[in-house]
Amino acid sequence: MSIHDIIEGKKQWRAHLARVKALPPDYRIVYKEMQKYLFKVGPVDLPDGPLLPGIVDFFEEGVAAGKGVVELIGTDVAAFCDGLIEGSPTYADLYQESLSEKPGTAER
């Protein structure tokens, strides 16, 4: 990874955070809870993947339609997040795979 890639990544992340800050307060609170949950259990490609920007897109559409955040995702944030990452490899999956490998067979 070059310096240019790091700088570009930071610019993209700051732009993403600016979009989150533009959301109404109830959406922001739910987004931050979703982000915390996904960073704990989320997919391996979360930092560079389309999931977090997709959530902001979804929330922006909800705001434009005049819907509340609870109308969009329901009352169980964790269940909604689990539905989003269903089928995606997570760090927990990778850990379980590493435990199931026979000793001495790990790739070098």
Protein backbone atom coordinates (compact mmCIF):
# COMPACT_ATOMS: atom_id res chain seq x y z
CA MET A 1 0.00 0.00 0.00
CA SER A 2 1.46 3.30 -1.04
CA ILE A 3 1.19 6.68 0.64
CA HIS A 4 -1.15 7.79 -2.12
CA ASP A 5 -3.51 4.86 -1.33
CA ILE A 6 -3.49 5.73 2.38
CA ILE A 7 -4.25 9.39 1.71
CA GLU A 8 -7.00 8.48 -0.75
CA GLY A 9 -8.51 6.07 1.76
CA LYS A 10 -8.56 8.77 4.45
CA LYS A 11 -10.27 11.20 2.05
CA GLN A 12 -12.93 8.63 1.25
CA TRP A 13 -13.49 7.85 4.94
CA ARG A 14 -13.81 11.55 5.80
CA ALA A 15 -16.34 12.02 2.99
CA HIS A 16 -18.24 9.02 4.33
CA LEU A 17 -18.27 10.48 7.85
CA ALA A 18 -19.51 13.81 6.47
CA ARG A 19 -22.47 11.97 4.92
CA VAL A 20 -23.20 10.32 8.26
CA LYS A 21 -23.08 13.68 10.06
CA ALA A 22 -25.63 15.06 7.59
CA LEU A 23 -28.19 12.45 8.66
CA PRO A 24 -30.86 13.30 11.24
CA PRO A 25 -29.89 12.54 14.86
CA ASP A 26 -31.92 9.31 15.18
CA TYR A 27 -30.35 7.91 12.01
CA ARG A 28 -26.87 8.90 13.21
CA ILE A 29 -27.34 7.13 16.52
CA VAL A 30 -28.50 3.93 14.84
CA TYR A 31 -25.71 4.13 12.25
CA LYS A 32 -23.06 4.43 14.98
CA GLU A 33 -24.53 1.42 16.81
CA MET A 34 -24.54 -0.56 13.56
CA GLN A 35 -20.97 0.48 12.85
CA LYS A 36 -19.84 -0.62 16.34
CA TYR A 37 -21.58 -3.95 15.95
CA LEU A 38 -20.22 -4.57 12.46
CA PHE A 39 -16.66 -3.70 13.47
CA LYS A 40 -16.92 -6.33 16.21
CA VAL A 41 -18.47 -9.18 14.23
CA GLY A 42 -18.61 -7.93 10.69
CA PRO A 43 -17.29 -9.21 7.42
CA VAL A 44 -13.61 -9.31 6.58
CA ASP A 45 -14.03 -6.76 3.78
CA LEU A 46 -15.87 -4.21 5.95
CA PRO A 47 -13.29 -1.37 5.84
CA ASP A 48 -12.98 -1.42 2.05
CA GLY A 49 -16.28 -2.98 1.10
CA PRO A 50 -19.58 -1.45 0.04
CA LEU A 51 -21.51 -2.27 3.23
CA LEU A 52 -21.08 0.94 5.25
CA PRO A 53 -21.60 3.32 2.30
CA GLY A 54 -24.59 1.19 1.31
CA ILE A 55 -26.13 1.67 4.75
CA VAL A 56 -25.70 5.44 4.44
CA ASP A 57 -27.32 5.32 0.98
CA PHE A 58 -30.23 3.34 2.44
CA PHE A 59 -30.60 5.80 5.31
CA GLU A 60 -30.46 8.82 2.97
CA GLU A 61 -33.27 7.27 0.91
CA GLY A 62 -35.27 6.73 4.09
CA VAL A 63 -34.80 10.35 5.11
CA ALA A 64 -35.86 11.52 1.65
CA ALA A 65 -38.99 9.35 1.88
CA GLY A 66 -39.80 10.83 5.29
CA LYS A 67 -39.52 7.52 7.14
CA GLY A 68 -38.14 7.05 10.62
CA VAL A 69 -35.14 4.83 11.14
CA VAL A 70 -37.19 2.29 13.10
CA GLU A 71 -39.54 1.95 10.12
CA LEU A 72 -36.56 1.03 7.95
CA ILE A 73 -34.66 -1.43 10.10
CA GLY A 74 -36.98 -2.39 12.96
CA THR A 75 -36.16 -2.35 16.65
CA ASP A 76 -33.39 -4.98 16.66
CA VAL A 77 -30.25 -3.40 15.22
CA ALA A 78 -28.12 -6.52 15.70
CA ALA A 79 -30.62 -8.73 13.84
CA PHE A 80 -30.73 -6.25 10.97
CA CYS A 81 -26.92 -6.22 10.80
CA ASP A 82 -26.78 -10.01 10.93
CA GLY A 83 -29.11 -10.09 7.94
CA LEU A 84 -26.82 -7.74 6.04
CA ILE A 85 -23.69 -9.83 6.60
CA GLU A 86 -25.32 -13.24 6.24
CA GLY A 87 -23.17 -15.39 3.99
CA SER A 88 -20.17 -13.06 4.15
CA PRO A 89 -16.96 -14.43 5.68
CA THR A 90 -16.31 -12.90 9.09
CA TYR A 91 -13.26 -12.84 11.31
CA ALA A 92 -14.99 -15.38 13.55
CA ASP A 93 -15.35 -17.70 10.55
CA LEU A 94 -11.66 -17.35 9.72
CA TYR A 95 -10.76 -18.09 13.32
CA GLN A 96 -12.95 -21.19 13.38
CA GLU A 97 -11.35 -22.41 10.14
CA SER A 98 -7.88 -21.92 11.58
CA LEU A 99 -8.85 -23.98 14.64
CA SER A 100 -10.21 -26.81 12.51
CA GLU A 101 -7.01 -27.20 10.48
CA LYS A 102 -4.78 -30.07 11.44
CA PRO A 103 -1.59 -29.06 13.24
CA GLY A 104 1.34 -28.65 10.88
CA THR A 105 -0.84 -28.22 7.78
CA ALA A 106 -1.07 -24.45 7.79
CA GLU A 107 0.12 -22.70 4.68
CA ARG A 108 3.43 -20.96 4.94
